[in-house]
C-alpha atoms as a PDB file:
ATOM      1  CA  MET A   1     -30.015  -6.502   1.185  1.00  0.00           C
ATOM      2  CA  ARG A   2     -27.680  -6.041  -1.757  1.00  0.00           C
ATOM      3  CA  ALA A   3     -26.760  -2.608  -0.379  1.00  0.00           C
ATOM      4  CA  ARG A   4     -25.538  -4.231   2.839  1.00  0.00           C
ATOM      5  CA  GLY A   5     -23.259  -6.544   0.845  1.00  0.00           C
ATOM      6  CA  LEU A   6     -21.869  -3.552  -1.035  1.00  0.00           C
ATOM      7  CA  ILE A   7     -21.209  -1.707   2.233  1.00  0.00           C
ATOM      8  CA  MET A   8     -19.498  -4.779   3.691  1.00  0.00           C
ATOM      9  CA  ALA A   9     -17.314  -5.083   0.584  1.00  0.00           C
ATOM     10  CA  LEU A  10     -16.376  -1.398   0.792  1.00  0.00           C
ATOM     11  CA  LEU A  11     -15.552  -1.799   4.488  1.00  0.00           C
ATOM     12  CA  PHE A  12     -13.401  -4.845   3.745  1.00  0.00           C
ATOM     13  CA  VAL A  13     -11.494  -3.005   1.012  1.00  0.00           C
ATOM     14  CA  SER A  14     -11.043   0.083   3.190  1.00  0.00           C
ATOM     15  CA  VAL A  15      -9.657  -2.074   6.010  1.00  0.00           C
ATOM     16  CA  LEU A  16      -7.225  -3.732   3.595  1.00  0.00           C
ATOM     17  CA  VAL A  17      -6.097  -0.332   2.313  1.00  0.00           C
ATOM     18  CA  ALA A  18      -5.705   0.952   5.878  1.00  0.00           C
ATOM     19  CA  ILE A  19      -3.587  -2.070   6.843  1.00  0.00           C
ATOM     20  CA  ALA A  20      -1.505  -1.716   3.682  1.00  0.00           C
ATOM     21  CA  TRP A  21      -1.036   2.016   4.379  1.00  0.00           C
ATOM     22  CA  LEU A  22      -0.002   1.332   7.982  1.00  0.00           C
ATOM     23  CA  THR A  23       2.426  -1.446   7.060  1.00  0.00           C
ATOM     24  CA  GLY A  24       4.036   0.847   4.472  1.00  0.00           C
ATOM     25  CA  GLU A  25       6.616  -0.738   2.212  1.00  0.00           C
ATOM     26  CA  SER A  26       5.334  -4.308   2.543  1.00  0.00           C
ATOM     27  CA  SER A  27       2.091  -3.172   0.906  1.00  0.00           C
ATOM     28  CA  PRO A  28       1.696  -3.254  -2.894  1.00  0.00           C
ATOM     29  CA  PHE A  29       0.146   0.232  -2.821  1.00  0.00           C
ATOM     30  CA  ALA A  30       3.035   2.039  -1.117  1.00  0.00           C
ATOM     31  CA  ASP A  31       5.688  -0.141  -2.754  1.00  0.00           C
ATOM     32  CA  LYS A  32       6.142   1.972  -5.896  1.00  0.00           C
ATOM     33  CA  PRO A  33       6.047   5.431  -4.228  1.00  0.00           C
ATOM     34  CA  SER A  34       8.433   4.352  -1.459  1.00  0.00           C
ATOM     35  CA  ALA A  35      10.790   2.823  -4.024  1.00  0.00           C
ATOM     36  CA  THR A  36      10.900   6.059  -6.030  1.00  0.00           C
ATOM     37  CA  THR A  37      11.480   8.174  -2.918  1.00  0.00           C
ATOM     38  CA  LYS A  38      14.183   5.816  -1.631  1.00  0.00           C
ATOM     39  CA  SER A  39      16.016   5.664  -4.971  1.00  0.00           C
ATOM     40  CA  ASN A  40      16.127   9.484  -4.921  1.00  0.00           C
ATOM     41  CA  PRO A  41      17.981  10.558  -1.757  1.00  0.00           C
END
């Protein structure tokens, strides 16, 4: 049963990453890369 909890946690994290990737700049993950690309035209 512990494996199911691990899979659920991985699914939850993957969904969060997918949402963050789709939202783009508002996400903490894409914030730094987008900032560097925007500061360099």
